[in-house]
Amino acid sequence: KNNMGLIWSPYSNLLLYGETLDIEAAHRAGVRLAIGSDWVPTGTKSVLEEIKLAARYVDRTLTRDKSSRLNKIFTDEYLYKMMTENSAKMINHWGAASMLSGEAGVGQLAVGAMGSVIAVGIMSANPYTNLVRKATEREVNLVVVDGNPVYGNTNYLEQAGIAKDH
């Protein structure tokens, strides 16, 4: 009712407390969920690692009524949106209204958006599964932040106009 959001950091929750957020209850209550990697001492080193743990968690955890696993609700597409769209919406940087602030389109590719993207190797035909379950830091070929290549495989960086000696 109050348009609240919640950032879920399953790794640190499970490590520190032996349990984690009841994501099914939050989902059913209409709470927007995003994924986070918490802090270095008890979290994963990146959201890419955190999403893999989240995927394993929903694969093995039963719904409250024990009729299925949580992955029936929290599909790879849903988990992907927890890293992109939902996070951007939680900080009011999604859609047309945010374009006026100068930080438009976080979490999306669109005209006028910030244009931040990672390109990873293809290991699954499903793009959501590819990123959520398959890609690790080894498969990251290119990172572009606000339209500027900042990290990546040499061939991609050269194609983007970044000299070989940088």
C-alpha atoms as a PDB file:
ATOM      1  CA  LYS A   1       0.000   0.000   0.000  1.00  0.00           C
ATOM      2  CA  ASN A   2       2.909   2.340   0.736  1.00  0.00           C
ATOM      3  CA  ASN A   3       4.971   1.352  -2.341  1.00  0.00           C
ATOM      4  CA  MET A   4       7.731  -0.078  -0.174  1.00  0.00           C
ATOM      5  CA  GLY A   5      10.658  -2.106  -1.395  1.00  0.00           C
ATOM      6  CA  LEU A   6      12.965  -4.590   0.247  1.00  0.00           C
ATOM      7  CA  ILE A   7      16.525  -5.543  -0.648  1.00  0.00           C
ATOM      8  CA  TRP A   8      17.230  -9.225  -0.111  1.00  0.00           C
ATOM      9  CA  SER A   9      20.773 -10.397   0.671  1.00  0.00           C
ATOM     10  CA  PRO A  10      20.344 -14.145   1.112  1.00  0.00           C
ATOM     11  CA  TYR A  11      24.008 -15.055   1.538  1.00  0.00           C
ATOM     12  CA  SER A  12      24.668 -12.873   4.583  1.00  0.00           C
ATOM     13  CA  ASN A  13      21.243 -13.768   6.046  1.00  0.00           C
ATOM     14  CA  LEU A  14      21.953 -17.487   5.796  1.00  0.00           C
ATOM     15  CA  LEU A  15      25.542 -17.129   7.009  1.00  0.00           C
ATOM     16  CA  LEU A  16      24.768 -14.902   9.988  1.00  0.00           C
ATOM     17  CA  TYR A  17      21.327 -16.134  11.024  1.00  0.00           C
ATOM     18  CA  GLY A  18      20.880 -19.556   9.412  1.00  0.00           C
ATOM     19  CA  GLU A  19      17.689 -18.326   7.754  1.00  0.00           C
ATOM     20  CA  THR A  20      16.587 -15.578   5.443  1.00  0.00           C
ATOM     21  CA  LEU A  21      13.697 -13.328   4.565  1.00  0.00           C
ATOM     22  CA  ASP A  22      10.331 -14.909   3.850  1.00  0.00           C
ATOM     23  CA  ILE A  23      10.427 -13.755   0.230  1.00  0.00           C
ATOM     24  CA  GLU A  24       7.181 -15.542  -0.568  1.00  0.00           C
ATOM     25  CA  ALA A  25       5.305 -13.525   2.079  1.00  0.00           C
ATOM     26  CA  ALA A  26       6.890 -10.292   0.869  1.00  0.00           C
ATOM     27  CA  HIS A  27       5.960 -11.121  -2.726  1.00  0.00           C
ATOM     28  CA  ARG A  28       2.369 -12.009  -1.794  1.00  0.00           C
ATOM     29  CA  ALA A  29       2.086  -8.740   0.168  1.00  0.00           C
ATOM     30  CA  GLY A  30       3.064  -6.821  -2.970  1.00  0.00           C
ATOM     31  CA  VAL A  31       6.446  -5.675  -1.666  1.00  0.00           C
ATOM     32  CA  ARG A  32       8.899  -4.901  -4.470  1.00  0.00           C
ATOM     33  CA  LEU A  33      11.979  -7.093  -4.035  1.00  0.00           C
ATOM     34  CA  ALA A  34      15.527  -6.352  -5.150  1.00  0.00           C
ATOM     35  CA  ILE A  35      18.722  -8.316  -4.611  1.00  0.00           C
ATOM     36  CA  GLY A  36      21.844  -7.024  -2.874  1.00  0.00           C
ATOM     37  CA  SER A  37      25.228  -8.377  -1.903  1.00  0.00           C
ATOM     38  CA  ASP A  38      25.310  -6.797   1.560  1.00  0.00           C
ATOM     39  CA  TRP A  39      28.822  -6.012   2.839  1.00  0.00           C
ATOM     40  CA  VAL A  40      32.158  -7.711   2.189  1.00  0.00           C
ATOM     41  CA  PRO A  41      32.717  -9.568   5.508  1.00  0.00           C
ATOM     42  CA  THR A  42      29.473 -11.564   5.241  1.00  0.00           C
ATOM     43  CA  GLY A  43      28.212 -10.992   1.715  1.00  0.00           C
ATOM     44  CA  THR A  44      29.171 -12.152  -1.720  1.00  0.00           C
ATOM     45  CA  LYS A  45      31.554 -10.030  -3.768  1.00  0.00           C
ATOM     46  CA  SER A  46      28.942  -9.117  -6.367  1.00  0.00           C
ATOM     47  CA  VAL A  47      25.264  -9.174  -7.191  1.00  0.00           C
ATOM     48  CA  LEU A  48      26.116 -11.701  -9.914  1.00  0.00           C
ATOM     49  CA  GLU A  49      27.246 -14.139  -7.201  1.00  0.00           C
ATOM     50  CA  GLU A  50      24.326 -13.262  -4.935  1.00  0.00           C
ATOM     51  CA  ILE A  51      21.773 -14.027  -7.652  1.00  0.00           C
ATOM     52  CA  LYS A  52      23.255 -17.516  -8.089  1.00  0.00           C
ATOM     53  CA  LEU A  53      22.716 -18.205  -4.390  1.00  0.00           C
ATOM     54  CA  ALA A  54      19.189 -16.793  -4.611  1.00  0.00           C
ATOM     55  CA  ALA A  55      18.449 -19.119  -7.547  1.00  0.00           C
ATOM     56  CA  ARG A  56      19.697 -22.147  -5.586  1.00  0.00           C
ATOM     57  CA  TYR A  57      17.625 -21.050  -2.596  1.00  0.00           C
ATOM     58  CA  VAL A  58      14.360 -20.779  -4.557  1.00  0.00           C
ATOM     59  CA  ASP A  59      15.095 -24.115  -6.259  1.00  0.00           C
ATOM     60  CA  ARG A  60      15.280 -25.987  -2.968  1.00  0.00           C
ATOM     61  CA  THR A  61      12.757 -24.096  -0.820  1.00  0.00           C
ATOM     62  CA  LEU A  62       9.102 -25.122  -0.706  1.00  0.00           C
ATOM     63  CA  THR A  63       6.238 -22.648  -0.821  1.00  0.00           C
ATOM     64  CA  ARG A  64       4.273 -22.160   2.404  1.00  0.00           C
ATOM     65  CA  ASP A  65       1.590 -24.619   1.318  1.00  0.00           C
ATOM     66  CA  LYS A  66       4.316 -27.093   0.298  1.00  0.00           C
ATOM     67  CA  SER A  67       2.691 -27.549  -3.124  1.00  0.00           C
ATOM     68  CA  SER A  68       5.770 -26.499  -5.108  1.00  0.00           C
ATOM     69  CA  ARG A  69       9.177 -24.874  -4.872  1.00  0.00           C
ATOM     70  CA  LEU A  70       9.660 -21.110  -4.679  1.00  0.00           C
ATOM     71  CA  ASN A  71      11.156 -21.154  -8.188  1.00  0.00           C
ATOM     72  CA  LYS A  72       7.588 -21.408  -9.526  1.00  0.00           C
ATOM     73  CA  ILE A  73       7.097 -17.845  -8.243  1.00  0.00           C
ATOM     74  CA  PHE A  74      10.677 -16.598  -8.420  1.00  0.00           C
ATOM     75  CA  THR A  75      11.513 -17.515 -11.997  1.00  0.00           C
ATOM     76  CA  ASP A  76      14.819 -16.570 -13.611  1.00  0.00           C
ATOM     77  CA  GLU A  77      13.086 -13.554 -15.178  1.00  0.00           C
ATOM     78  CA  TYR A  78      11.764 -12.452 -11.762  1.00  0.00           C
ATOM     79  CA  LEU A  79      15.245 -12.840 -10.220  1.00  0.00           C
ATOM     80  CA  TYR A  80      16.762 -10.884 -13.130  1.00  0.00           C
ATOM     81  CA  LYS A  81      14.309  -8.034 -12.525  1.00  0.00           C
ATOM     82  CA  MET A  82      15.364  -8.033  -8.862  1.00  0.00           C
ATOM     83  CA  MET A  83      18.851  -7.028 -10.107  1.00  0.00           C
ATOM     84  CA  THR A  84      17.686  -4.446 -12.645  1.00  0.00           C
ATOM     85  CA  GLU A  85      14.180  -3.024 -12.918  1.00  0.00           C
ATOM     86  CA  ASN A  86      13.078  -3.484  -9.309  1.00  0.00           C
ATOM     87  CA  SER A  87      16.262  -1.905  -7.941  1.00  0.00           C
ATOM     88  CA  ALA A  88      15.890   1.103 -10.247  1.00  0.00           C
ATOM     89  CA  LYS A  89      12.240   1.545  -9.303  1.00  0.00           C
ATOM     90  CA  MET A  90      13.133   1.460  -5.610  1.00  0.00           C
ATOM     91  CA  ILE A  91      15.466   4.445  -6.025  1.00  0.00           C
ATOM     92  CA  ASN A  92      13.092   6.312  -8.380  1.00  0.00           C
ATOM     93  CA  HIS A  93      15.345   5.983 -11.428  1.00  0.00           C
ATOM     94  CA  TRP A  94      13.027   4.030 -13.704  1.00  0.00           C
ATOM     95  CA  GLY A  95      10.848   5.406 -16.472  1.00  0.00           C
ATOM     96  CA  ALA A  96      10.056   8.805 -17.904  1.00  0.00           C
ATOM     97  CA  ALA A  97       9.813  10.703 -14.606  1.00  0.00           C
ATOM     98  CA  SER A  98      13.389   9.792 -13.712  1.00  0.00           C
ATOM     99  CA  MET A  99      14.692  11.122 -17.046  1.00  0.00           C
ATOM    100  CA  LEU A 100      14.193  14.643 -15.770  1.00  0.00           C
ATOM    101  CA  SER A 101      16.623  13.994 -12.899  1.00  0.00           C
ATOM    102  CA  GLY A 102      19.554  13.248 -15.236  1.00  0.00           C
ATOM    103  CA  GLU A 103      19.866   9.653 -14.055  1.00  0.00           C
ATOM    104  CA  ALA A 104      17.181   8.138 -16.205  1.00  0.00           C
ATOM    105  CA  GLY A 105      16.705   4.557 -17.072  1.00  0.00           C
ATOM    106  CA  VAL A 106      18.823   2.800 -14.485  1.00  0.00           C
ATOM    107  CA  GLY A 107      18.182  -0.900 -15.006  1.00  0.00           C
ATOM    108  CA  GLN A 108      16.916  -0.590 -18.579  1.00  0.00           C
ATOM    109  CA  LEU A 109      18.085   0.037 -22.112  1.00  0.00           C
ATOM    110  CA  ALA A 110      16.094   2.863 -23.676  1.00  0.00           C
ATOM    111  CA  VAL A 111      16.572   6.165 -25.480  1.00  0.00           C
ATOM    112  CA  GLY A 112      17.718   8.709 -22.891  1.00  0.00           C
ATOM    113  CA  ALA A 113      18.673   6.054 -20.354  1.00  0.00           C
ATOM    114  CA  MET A 114      22.098   5.900 -18.715  1.00  0.00           C
ATOM    115  CA  GLY A 115      23.116   2.993 -20.926  1.00  0.00           C
ATOM    116  CA  SER A 116      24.825   0.756 -18.392  1.00  0.00           C
ATOM    117  CA  VAL A 117      25.131  -2.854 -19.472  1.00  0.00           C
ATOM    118  CA  ILE A 118      27.221  -5.978 -19.082  1.00  0.00           C
ATOM    119  CA  ALA A 119      27.807  -8.393 -21.942  1.00  0.00           C
ATOM    120  CA  VAL A 120      28.418 -12.005 -20.982  1.00  0.00           C
ATOM    121  CA  GLY A 121      29.118 -15.196 -22.890  1.00  0.00           C
ATOM    122  CA  ILE A 122      26.142 -17.269 -23.964  1.00  0.00           C
ATOM    123  CA  MET A 123      25.727 -20.527 -22.052  1.00  0.00           C
ATOM    124  CA  SER A 124      21.925 -20.745 -22.175  1.00  0.00           C
ATOM    125  CA  ALA A 125      19.464 -19.779 -24.899  1.00  0.00           C
ATOM    126  CA  ASN A 126      17.288 -18.145 -22.233  1.00  0.00           C
ATOM    127  CA  PRO A 127      18.848 -14.715 -21.515  1.00  0.00           C
ATOM    128  CA  TYR A 128      17.510 -14.640 -17.953  1.00  0.00           C
ATOM    129  CA  THR A 129      18.861 -18.095 -17.157  1.00  0.00           C
ATOM    130  CA  ASN A 130      22.132 -17.175 -18.836  1.00  0.00           C
ATOM    131  CA  LEU A 131      22.751 -14.301 -16.433  1.00  0.00           C
ATOM    132  CA  VAL A 132      20.974 -15.574 -13.308  1.00  0.00           C
ATOM    133  CA  ARG A 133      22.300 -19.126 -13.303  1.00  0.00           C
ATOM    134  CA  LYS A 134      25.199 -19.499 -15.709  1.00  0.00           C
ATOM    135  CA  ALA A 135      27.374 -16.392 -16.127  1.00  0.00           C
ATOM    136  CA  THR A 136      30.178 -15.775 -13.658  1.00  0.00           C
ATOM    137  CA  GLU A 137      32.799 -13.031 -13.647  1.00  0.00           C
ATOM    138  CA  ARG A 138      34.815 -15.182 -16.094  1.00  0.00           C
ATOM    139  CA  GLU A 139      32.108 -14.789 -18.734  1.00  0.00           C
ATOM    140  CA  VAL A 140      31.906 -10.992 -18.448  1.00  0.00           C
ATOM    141  CA  ASN A 141      33.100  -9.711 -21.824  1.00  0.00           C
ATOM    142  CA  LEU A 142      32.273  -6.031 -21.468  1.00  0.00           C
ATOM    143  CA  VAL A 143      31.003  -3.580 -18.859  1.00  0.00           C
ATOM    144  CA  VAL A 144      29.579  -0.258 -20.038  1.00  0.00           C
ATOM    145  CA  VAL A 145      28.616   2.401 -17.487  1.00  0.00           C
ATOM    146  CA  ASP A 146      26.593   5.394 -18.656  1.00  0.00           C
ATOM    147  CA  GLY A 147      27.594   4.644 -22.247  1.00  0.00           C
ATOM    148  CA  ASN A 148      31.319   4.328 -21.511  1.00  0.00           C
ATOM    149  CA  PRO A 149      33.184   1.021 -21.716  1.00  0.00           C
ATOM    150  CA  VAL A 150      35.009   0.553 -18.408  1.00  0.00           C
ATOM    151  CA  TYR A 151      36.044  -3.097 -18.344  1.00  0.00           C
ATOM    152  CA  GLY A 152      36.210  -6.014 -20.668  1.00  0.00           C
ATOM    153  CA  ASN A 153      37.923  -8.332 -23.029  1.00  0.00           C
ATOM    154  CA  THR A 154      40.564  -6.584 -25.153  1.00  0.00           C
ATOM    155  CA  ASN A 155      38.778  -7.194 -28.464  1.00  0.00           C
ATOM    156  CA  TYR A 156      35.573  -5.570 -27.235  1.00  0.00           C
ATOM    157  CA  LEU A 157      37.431  -2.615 -25.727  1.00  0.00           C
ATOM    158  CA  GLU A 158      39.341  -2.038 -28.969  1.00  0.00           C
ATOM    159  CA  GLN A 159      36.076  -2.128 -30.933  1.00  0.00           C
ATOM    160  CA  ALA A 160      34.741   0.483 -28.519  1.00  0.00           C
ATOM    161  CA  GLY A 161      37.703   2.735 -29.362  1.00  0.00           C
ATOM    162  CA  ILE A 162      39.775   2.172 -26.259  1.00  0.00           C
ATOM    163  CA  ALA A 163      43.429   1.839 -27.195  1.00  0.00           C
ATOM    164  CA  LYS A 164      45.204  -1.464 -26.605  1.00  0.00           C
ATOM    165  CA  ASP A 165      47.752   0.106 -24.213  1.00  0.00           C
ATOM    166  CA  HIS A 166      45.111   1.331 -21.705  1.00  0.00           C
END
